[in-house]
Amino acid sequence: MTIRAVVWDVDDTLFDYTTADREGMRAHLVTEGLLVGYDSPEQALVRWREITERQWARYAAGECSFQDQRRDRVRVFLGTELTDDEADAWFQRYVGHYEAAWSVFPDVLPVLEALATSHRHAVLSNSSITVQEHKLRTLGLLDRFESVLCAAELGVSKPEPGAFLASCEALGLAPHEVAYVGDHPEIDGRGAAEAGLLSVWIDRGTGVVHAVGEVVCRRISTLAELPALLGADTRFGAPSTFG
């Protein structure tokens, strides 16, 4: 079956979130004088990432709003009871440093150019429209996508099938006509495959070990591999690339 469109994850797929978060938070902590009490900047950054993952999981499970998970990340990290306005102000100061470190991966623009005329393109993210449209616009990518769908507005997040099916519906295509490219083998890889899309996991070698069972999903290490993969879809009956 011909793949007619590619739906993209954003963070750590198109946009180097891990580097921007690390460098942005490092600069923010120095500015705020918050490295006292930590053995190293890396120790503080690890704690921030752990708190972020826990609060993001609460948001993904529908236990809090997108804005509340941000506020709670700040409160837990500081160990201080802050008002919403105080937490928002602290987070916005971090965002200034974070945005200064924004960049796309070097393989992104070449693959979008290579697939510009052969495939339609859209975005599906577990973030919010406000955040991701601003990010994509700043990075010069927004105009390359027909639609940008995000969990905060959809009311359903990856890996739930409804999120992936909503992206297909926005394109007016059946799931088997759409590929999904993301960096997380469970949230993106398994979720897209179980929703019936051609699932492509971009493994950028972050060193994170994921335990994933058998699922039909293509694993690539660079987006330069994507055009050839889309031109030879052997998804049905093909062995899993998760070993």
C-alpha atoms as a PDB file:
ATOM      1  CA  MET A   1       0.000   0.000   0.000  1.00  0.00           C
ATOM      2  CA  THR A   2       1.334   3.439  -0.952  1.00  0.00           C
ATOM      3  CA  ILE A   3       2.233   5.811   1.866  1.00  0.00           C
ATOM      4  CA  ARG A   4       0.830   9.229   0.962  1.00  0.00           C
ATOM      5  CA  ALA A   5       1.655  11.272   4.058  1.00  0.00           C
ATOM      6  CA  VAL A   6       4.115  11.481   6.915  1.00  0.00           C
ATOM      7  CA  VAL A   7       3.018  12.621  10.363  1.00  0.00           C
ATOM      8  CA  TRP A   8       5.839  13.805  12.586  1.00  0.00           C
ATOM      9  CA  ASP A   9       6.570  13.974  16.277  1.00  0.00           C
ATOM     10  CA  VAL A  10       8.436  17.178  17.191  1.00  0.00           C
ATOM     11  CA  ASP A  11      10.604  16.956  20.309  1.00  0.00           C
ATOM     12  CA  ASP A  12      13.766  14.891  19.787  1.00  0.00           C
ATOM     13  CA  THR A  13      12.505  13.940  16.309  1.00  0.00           C
ATOM     14  CA  LEU A  14      12.645  17.220  14.370  1.00  0.00           C
ATOM     15  CA  PHE A  15      13.799  19.484  17.183  1.00  0.00           C
ATOM     16  CA  ASP A  16      16.778  18.725  19.454  1.00  0.00           C
ATOM     17  CA  TYR A  17      14.824  19.049  22.687  1.00  0.00           C
ATOM     18  CA  THR A  18      17.317  17.177  24.878  1.00  0.00           C
ATOM     19  CA  THR A  19      20.188  19.534  24.065  1.00  0.00           C
ATOM     20  CA  ALA A  20      18.044  22.674  24.294  1.00  0.00           C
ATOM     21  CA  ASP A  21      16.589  21.617  27.641  1.00  0.00           C
ATOM     22  CA  ARG A  22      20.017  20.744  29.042  1.00  0.00           C
ATOM     23  CA  GLU A  23      21.766  23.913  27.898  1.00  0.00           C
ATOM     24  CA  GLY A  24      18.793  26.152  28.646  1.00  0.00           C
ATOM     25  CA  MET A  25      18.307  24.807  32.169  1.00  0.00           C
ATOM     26  CA  ARG A  26      22.042  24.964  32.873  1.00  0.00           C
ATOM     27  CA  ALA A  27      22.084  28.679  31.959  1.00  0.00           C
ATOM     28  CA  HIS A  28      18.874  29.289  33.920  1.00  0.00           C
ATOM     29  CA  LEU A  29      20.177  27.627  37.090  1.00  0.00           C
ATOM     30  CA  VAL A  30      23.378  29.665  36.939  1.00  0.00           C
ATOM     31  CA  THR A  31      21.403  32.892  36.486  1.00  0.00           C
ATOM     32  CA  GLU A  32      19.026  32.017  39.338  1.00  0.00           C
ATOM     33  CA  GLY A  33      21.877  30.979  41.646  1.00  0.00           C
ATOM     34  CA  LEU A  34      20.345  27.534  42.134  1.00  0.00           C
ATOM     35  CA  LEU A  35      23.400  25.310  41.745  1.00  0.00           C
ATOM     36  CA  VAL A  36      24.241  25.654  45.439  1.00  0.00           C
ATOM     37  CA  GLY A  37      23.467  22.342  47.112  1.00  0.00           C
ATOM     38  CA  TYR A  38      24.292  20.250  44.054  1.00  0.00           C
ATOM     39  CA  ASP A  39      27.620  18.510  43.526  1.00  0.00           C
ATOM     40  CA  SER A  40      27.570  19.481  39.860  1.00  0.00           C
ATOM     41  CA  PRO A  41      25.333  21.108  37.234  1.00  0.00           C
ATOM     42  CA  GLU A  42      24.708  17.615  35.828  1.00  0.00           C
ATOM     43  CA  GLN A  43      23.229  16.474  39.151  1.00  0.00           C
ATOM     44  CA  ALA A  44      20.763  19.370  39.086  1.00  0.00           C
ATOM     45  CA  LEU A  45      19.900  18.658  35.456  1.00  0.00           C
ATOM     46  CA  VAL A  46      19.243  14.976  36.179  1.00  0.00           C
ATOM     47  CA  ARG A  47      16.851  15.957  38.969  1.00  0.00           C
ATOM     48  CA  TRP A  48      15.053  18.416  36.677  1.00  0.00           C
ATOM     49  CA  ARG A  49      14.649  15.747  33.989  1.00  0.00           C
ATOM     50  CA  GLU A  50      13.327  13.192  36.492  1.00  0.00           C
ATOM     51  CA  ILE A  51      10.766  15.680  37.802  1.00  0.00           C
ATOM     52  CA  THR A  52       9.807  16.612  34.237  1.00  0.00           C
ATOM     53  CA  GLU A  53       9.201  12.960  33.318  1.00  0.00           C
ATOM     54  CA  ARG A  54       7.006  12.368  36.381  1.00  0.00           C
ATOM     55  CA  GLN A  55       4.920  15.491  35.873  1.00  0.00           C
ATOM     56  CA  TRP A  56       4.622  14.850  32.132  1.00  0.00           C
ATOM     57  CA  ALA A  57       3.329  11.348  32.877  1.00  0.00           C
ATOM     58  CA  ARG A  58       0.628  12.885  35.098  1.00  0.00           C
ATOM     59  CA  TYR A  59      -0.382  15.209  32.270  1.00  0.00           C
ATOM     60  CA  ALA A  60      -0.399  12.381  29.708  1.00  0.00           C
ATOM     61  CA  ALA A  61      -2.640  10.367  32.035  1.00  0.00           C
ATOM     62  CA  GLY A  62      -5.120  13.246  32.231  1.00  0.00           C
ATOM     63  CA  GLU A  63      -4.381  13.980  35.897  1.00  0.00           C
ATOM     64  CA  CYS A  64      -3.487  17.645  35.370  1.00  0.00           C
ATOM     65  CA  SER A  65      -3.521  20.349  32.721  1.00  0.00           C
ATOM     66  CA  PHE A  66      -0.573  21.238  30.507  1.00  0.00           C
ATOM     67  CA  GLN A  67       0.010  24.466  32.431  1.00  0.00           C
ATOM     68  CA  ASP A  68      -0.300  22.742  35.812  1.00  0.00           C
ATOM     69  CA  GLN A  69       2.375  20.171  34.953  1.00  0.00           C
ATOM     70  CA  ARG A  70       4.726  23.063  34.217  1.00  0.00           C
ATOM     71  CA  ARG A  71       3.929  24.748  37.525  1.00  0.00           C
ATOM     72  CA  ASP A  72       4.335  21.540  39.487  1.00  0.00           C
ATOM     73  CA  ARG A  73       7.716  20.874  37.870  1.00  0.00           C
ATOM     74  CA  VAL A  74       8.896  24.206  39.277  1.00  0.00           C
ATOM     75  CA  ARG A  75       7.378  23.669  42.734  1.00  0.00           C
ATOM     76  CA  VAL A  76       8.832  20.190  43.136  1.00  0.00           C
ATOM     77  CA  PHE A  77      12.245  21.227  41.845  1.00  0.00           C
ATOM     78  CA  LEU A  78      12.450  24.225  44.179  1.00  0.00           C
ATOM     79  CA  GLY A  79      10.746  22.456  47.078  1.00  0.00           C
ATOM     80  CA  THR A  80       8.741  25.629  47.636  1.00  0.00           C
ATOM     81  CA  GLU A  81       5.048  26.482  47.717  1.00  0.00           C
ATOM     82  CA  LEU A  82       4.621  29.001  44.919  1.00  0.00           C
ATOM     83  CA  THR A  83       1.537  30.729  43.599  1.00  0.00           C
ATOM     84  CA  ASP A  84       0.578  30.005  40.007  1.00  0.00           C
ATOM     85  CA  ASP A  85       1.915  33.405  38.960  1.00  0.00           C
ATOM     86  CA  GLU A  86       5.238  32.812  40.723  1.00  0.00           C
ATOM     87  CA  ALA A  87       5.659  29.371  39.164  1.00  0.00           C
ATOM     88  CA  ASP A  88       4.724  30.728  35.733  1.00  0.00           C
ATOM     89  CA  ALA A  89       7.253  33.554  36.040  1.00  0.00           C
ATOM     90  CA  TRP A  90      10.055  31.152  37.042  1.00  0.00           C
ATOM     91  CA  PHE A  91       9.236  28.842  34.141  1.00  0.00           C
ATOM     92  CA  GLN A  92       9.137  31.724  31.658  1.00  0.00           C
ATOM     93  CA  ARG A  93      12.612  32.810  32.746  1.00  0.00           C
ATOM     94  CA  TYR A  94      13.783  29.266  32.024  1.00  0.00           C
ATOM     95  CA  VAL A  95      12.020  29.344  28.641  1.00  0.00           C
ATOM     96  CA  GLY A  96      14.097  32.361  27.606  1.00  0.00           C
ATOM     97  CA  HIS A  97      17.315  30.363  28.066  1.00  0.00           C
ATOM     98  CA  TYR A  98      15.742  27.232  26.567  1.00  0.00           C
ATOM     99  CA  GLU A  99      14.613  28.998  23.385  1.00  0.00           C
ATOM    100  CA  ALA A 100      18.073  30.505  22.938  1.00  0.00           C
ATOM    101  CA  ALA A 101      19.371  26.937  22.535  1.00  0.00           C
ATOM    102  CA  TRP A 102      16.748  25.767  20.009  1.00  0.00           C
ATOM    103  CA  SER A 103      17.892  23.972  16.855  1.00  0.00           C
ATOM    104  CA  VAL A 104      16.684  21.319  14.433  1.00  0.00           C
ATOM    105  CA  PHE A 105      18.661  18.156  13.830  1.00  0.00           C
ATOM    106  CA  PRO A 106      20.904  18.385  10.735  1.00  0.00           C
ATOM    107  CA  ASP A 107      19.017  15.581   8.940  1.00  0.00           C
ATOM    108  CA  VAL A 108      15.620  17.332   9.163  1.00  0.00           C
ATOM    109  CA  LEU A 109      15.678  19.915   6.364  1.00  0.00           C
ATOM    110  CA  PRO A 110      17.226  17.524   3.815  1.00  0.00           C
ATOM    111  CA  VAL A 111      14.543  14.887   4.381  1.00  0.00           C
ATOM    112  CA  LEU A 112      11.698  17.412   4.322  1.00  0.00           C
ATOM    113  CA  GLU A 113      13.050  18.724   1.018  1.00  0.00           C
ATOM    114  CA  ALA A 114      13.430  15.201  -0.368  1.00  0.00           C
ATOM    115  CA  LEU A 115       9.824  14.324   0.516  1.00  0.00           C
ATOM    116  CA  ALA A 116       8.270  17.735  -0.195  1.00  0.00           C
ATOM    117  CA  THR A 117       6.601  16.783  -3.479  1.00  0.00           C
ATOM    118  CA  SER A 118       6.053  13.070  -2.942  1.00  0.00           C
ATOM    119  CA  HIS A 119       4.334  13.131   0.453  1.00  0.00           C
ATOM    120  CA  ARG A 120       2.038  15.335   2.491  1.00  0.00           C
ATOM    121  CA  HIS A 121       3.203  16.305   5.980  1.00  0.00           C
ATOM    122  CA  ALA A 122       1.594  16.943   9.369  1.00  0.00           C
ATOM    123  CA  VAL A 123       2.537  17.028  13.051  1.00  0.00           C
ATOM    124  CA  LEU A 124       1.149  15.115  16.028  1.00  0.00           C
ATOM    125  CA  SER A 125       2.596  16.012  19.432  1.00  0.00           C
ATOM    126  CA  ASN A 126       1.739  15.348  23.061  1.00  0.00           C
ATOM    127  CA  SER A 127       2.318  19.041  23.788  1.00  0.00           C
ATOM    128  CA  SER A 128       0.005  21.989  23.055  1.00  0.00           C
ATOM    129  CA  ILE A 129      -0.732  23.903  19.843  1.00  0.00           C
ATOM    130  CA  THR A 130       0.514  27.171  21.345  1.00  0.00           C
ATOM    131  CA  VAL A 131       3.868  25.660  22.304  1.00  0.00           C
ATOM    132  CA  GLN A 132       4.502  23.642  19.155  1.00  0.00           C
ATOM    133  CA  GLU A 133       3.304  26.164  16.575  1.00  0.00           C
ATOM    134  CA  HIS A 134       5.536  28.790  18.186  1.00  0.00           C
ATOM    135  CA  LYS A 135       8.437  26.347  18.163  1.00  0.00           C
ATOM    136  CA  LEU A 136       7.936  25.277  14.548  1.00  0.00           C
ATOM    137  CA  ARG A 137       7.489  28.880  13.408  1.00  0.00           C
ATOM    138  CA  THR A 138      10.664  29.979  15.202  1.00  0.00           C
ATOM    139  CA  LEU A 139      12.599  27.093  13.650  1.00  0.00           C
ATOM    140  CA  GLY A 140      11.276  27.933  10.173  1.00  0.00           C
ATOM    141  CA  LEU A 141       9.358  24.668   9.808  1.00  0.00           C
ATOM    142  CA  LEU A 142       5.691  25.524  10.388  1.00  0.00           C
ATOM    143  CA  ASP A 143       4.783  26.171   6.735  1.00  0.00           C
ATOM    144  CA  ARG A 144       5.941  22.673   5.776  1.00  0.00           C
ATOM    145  CA  PHE A 145       3.006  21.014   7.568  1.00  0.00           C
ATOM    146  CA  GLU A 146      -0.658  20.906   6.563  1.00  0.00           C
ATOM    147  CA  SER A 147      -1.818  20.468  10.131  1.00  0.00           C
ATOM    148  CA  VAL A 148      -0.456  20.524  13.667  1.00  0.00           C
ATOM    149  CA  LEU A 149      -2.396  18.470  16.200  1.00  0.00           C
ATOM    150  CA  CYS A 150      -1.540  18.346  19.901  1.00  0.00           C
ATOM    151  CA  ALA A 151      -2.810  16.339  22.849  1.00  0.00           C
ATOM    152  CA  ALA A 152      -3.755  19.373  24.935  1.00  0.00           C
ATOM    153  CA  GLU A 153      -6.411  20.358  22.383  1.00  0.00           C
ATOM    154  CA  LEU A 154      -7.331  16.869  21.142  1.00  0.00           C
ATOM    155  CA  GLY A 155      -8.099  15.588  24.620  1.00  0.00           C
ATOM    156  CA  VAL A 156      -6.254  12.350  23.846  1.00  0.00           C
ATOM    157  CA  SER A 157      -2.516  11.712  23.814  1.00  0.00           C
ATOM    158  CA  LYS A 158      -0.102   9.232  22.283  1.00  0.00           C
ATOM    159  CA  PRO A 159       0.116   6.248  22.527  1.00  0.00           C
ATOM    160  CA  GLU A 160      -3.712   6.105  22.477  1.00  0.00           C
ATOM    161  CA  PRO A 161      -4.946   5.120  18.984  1.00  0.00           C
ATOM    162  CA  GLY A 162      -7.338   8.068  18.933  1.00  0.00           C
ATOM    163  CA  ALA A 163      -4.476  10.545  18.737  1.00  0.00           C
ATOM    164  CA  PHE A 164      -2.959   8.895  15.661  1.00  0.00           C
ATOM    165  CA  LEU A 165      -6.354   8.383  14.024  1.00  0.00           C
ATOM    166  CA  ALA A 166      -7.137  12.082  14.514  1.00  0.00           C
ATOM    167  CA  SER A 167      -4.026  12.968  12.512  1.00  0.00           C
ATOM    168  CA  CYS A 168      -5.132  10.640   9.709  1.00  0.00           C
ATOM    169  CA  GLU A 169      -8.614  12.152   9.743  1.00  0.00           C
ATOM    170  CA  ALA A 170      -7.142  15.659   9.494  1.00  0.00           C
ATOM    171  CA  LEU A 171      -5.357  14.547   6.321  1.00  0.00           C
ATOM    172  CA  GLY A 172      -8.398  12.732   4.950  1.00  0.00           C
ATOM    173  CA  LEU A 173      -6.403   9.505   4.667  1.00  0.00           C
ATOM    174  CA  ALA A 174      -6.740   5.979   5.995  1.00  0.00           C
ATOM    175  CA  PRO A 175      -4.168   4.875   8.613  1.00  0.00           C
ATOM    176  CA  HIS A 176      -2.484   2.479   6.188  1.00  0.00           C
ATOM    177  CA  GLU A 177      -1.721   5.447   3.898  1.00  0.00           C
ATOM    178  CA  VAL A 178       0.132   7.343   6.631  1.00  0.00           C
ATOM    179  CA  ALA A 179       3.571   6.928   8.224  1.00  0.00           C
ATOM    180  CA  TYR A 180       4.342   8.226  11.696  1.00  0.00           C
ATOM    181  CA  VAL A 181       7.902   9.163  12.674  1.00  0.00           C
ATOM    182  CA  GLY A 182       8.831   9.589  16.335  1.00  0.00           C
ATOM    183  CA  ASP A 183      11.700   9.120  18.766  1.00  0.00           C
ATOM    184  CA  HIS A 184      10.012   7.043  21.478  1.00  0.00           C
ATOM    185  CA  PRO A 185       9.528   3.324  20.714  1.00  0.00           C
ATOM    186  CA  GLU A 186       6.536   2.933  23.033  1.00  0.00           C
ATOM    187  CA  ILE A 187       4.689   6.253  22.851  1.00  0.00           C
ATOM    188  CA  ASP A 188       5.412   6.778  19.147  1.00  0.00           C
ATOM    189  CA  GLY A 189       6.508   3.411  17.761  1.00  0.00           C
ATOM    190  CA  ARG A 190       4.056   1.042  19.377  1.00  0.00           C
ATOM    191  CA  GLY A 191       1.244   3.589  19.460  1.00  0.00           C
ATOM    192  CA  ALA A 192       1.383   4.316  15.731  1.00  0.00           C
ATOM    193  CA  ALA A 193       1.716   0.643  14.794  1.00  0.00           C
ATOM    194  CA  GLU A 194      -1.265  -0.380  16.898  1.00  0.00           C
ATOM    195  CA  ALA A 195      -3.338   2.408  15.318  1.00  0.00           C
ATOM    196  CA  GLY A 196      -2.585   0.950  11.874  1.00  0.00           C
ATOM    197  CA  LEU A 197      -0.039   3.470  10.597  1.00  0.00           C
ATOM    198  CA  LEU A 198       3.359   2.628   9.168  1.00  0.00           C
ATOM    199  CA  SER A 199       5.393   3.208  12.307  1.00  0.00           C
ATOM    200  CA  VAL A 200       8.948   4.533  12.079  1.00  0.00           C
ATOM    201  CA  TRP A 201      11.111   4.871  15.174  1.00  0.00           C
ATOM    202  CA  ILE A 202      13.978   7.349  14.789  1.00  0.00           C
ATOM    203  CA  ASP A 203      16.574   6.070  17.268  1.00  0.00           C
ATOM    204  CA  ARG A 204      19.001   8.939  17.744  1.00  0.00           C
ATOM    205  CA  GLY A 205      21.209   6.988  20.144  1.00  0.00           C
ATOM    206  CA  THR A 206      20.338   8.844  23.327  1.00  0.00           C
ATOM    207  CA  GLY A 207      21.535   5.917  25.401  1.00  0.00           C
ATOM    208  CA  VAL A 208      18.078   5.391  26.895  1.00  0.00           C
ATOM    209  CA  VAL A 209      17.163   1.701  27.022  1.00  0.00           C
ATOM    210  CA  HIS A 210      13.525   0.912  26.233  1.00  0.00           C
ATOM    211  CA  ALA A 211      11.964  -2.486  26.832  1.00  0.00           C
ATOM    212  CA  VAL A 212       9.625  -3.044  23.893  1.00  0.00           C
ATOM    213  CA  GLY A 213       7.836  -6.220  22.891  1.00  0.00           C
ATOM    214  CA  GLU A 214       7.215  -7.442  19.377  1.00  0.00           C
ATOM    215  CA  VAL A 215       5.556  -4.812  17.210  1.00  0.00           C
ATOM    216  CA  VAL A 216       5.788  -4.102  13.492  1.00  0.00           C
ATOM    217  CA  CYS A 217       7.839  -0.917  13.430  1.00  0.00           C
ATOM    218  CA  ARG A 218      10.734   0.314  11.323  1.00  0.00           C
ATOM    219  CA  ARG A 219      13.816   1.465  13.218  1.00  0.00           C
ATOM    220  CA  ILE A 220      16.124   4.049  11.649  1.00  0.00           C
ATOM    221  CA  SER A 221      19.128   5.892  13.055  1.00  0.00           C
ATOM    222  CA  THR A 222      18.934   8.923  10.755  1.00  0.00           C
ATOM    223  CA  LEU A 223      16.133  10.562   8.799  1.00  0.00           C
ATOM    224  CA  ALA A 224      18.258  10.114   5.681  1.00  0.00           C
ATOM    225  CA  GLU A 225      16.994   6.514   5.704  1.00  0.00           C
ATOM    226  CA  LEU A 226      13.340   7.553   5.517  1.00  0.00           C
ATOM    227  CA  PRO A 227      12.839   8.223   1.764  1.00  0.00           C
ATOM    228  CA  ALA A 228      14.047   4.746   0.800  1.00  0.00           C
ATOM    229  CA  LEU A 229      11.904   3.181   3.507  1.00  0.00           C
ATOM    230  CA  LEU A 230       8.771   4.969   2.296  1.00  0.00           C
ATOM    231  CA  GLY A 231       9.518   3.916  -1.259  1.00  0.00           C
ATOM    232  CA  ALA A 232       9.612   0.239  -0.291  1.00  0.00           C
ATOM    233  CA  ASP A 233       6.929  -0.355   2.307  1.00  0.00           C
ATOM    234  CA  THR A 234       7.082  -4.051   3.216  1.00  0.00           C
ATOM    235  CA  ARG A 235       5.247  -3.585   6.484  1.00  0.00           C
ATOM    236  CA  PHE A 236       2.802  -6.452   6.088  1.00  0.00           C
ATOM    237  CA  GLY A 237       4.452  -9.697   7.083  1.00  0.00           C
ATOM    238  CA  ALA A 238       7.792  -8.046   7.777  1.00  0.00           C
ATOM    239  CA  PRO A 239       9.635  -8.957  10.974  1.00  0.00           C
ATOM    240  CA  SER A 240       9.790  -6.514  13.845  1.00  0.00           C
ATOM    241  CA  THR A 241      12.915  -4.400  14.080  1.00  0.00           C
ATOM    242  CA  PHE A 242      12.714  -4.497  17.862  1.00  0.00           C
ATOM    243  CA  GLY A 243      14.984  -7.308  18.945  1.00  0.00           C
END
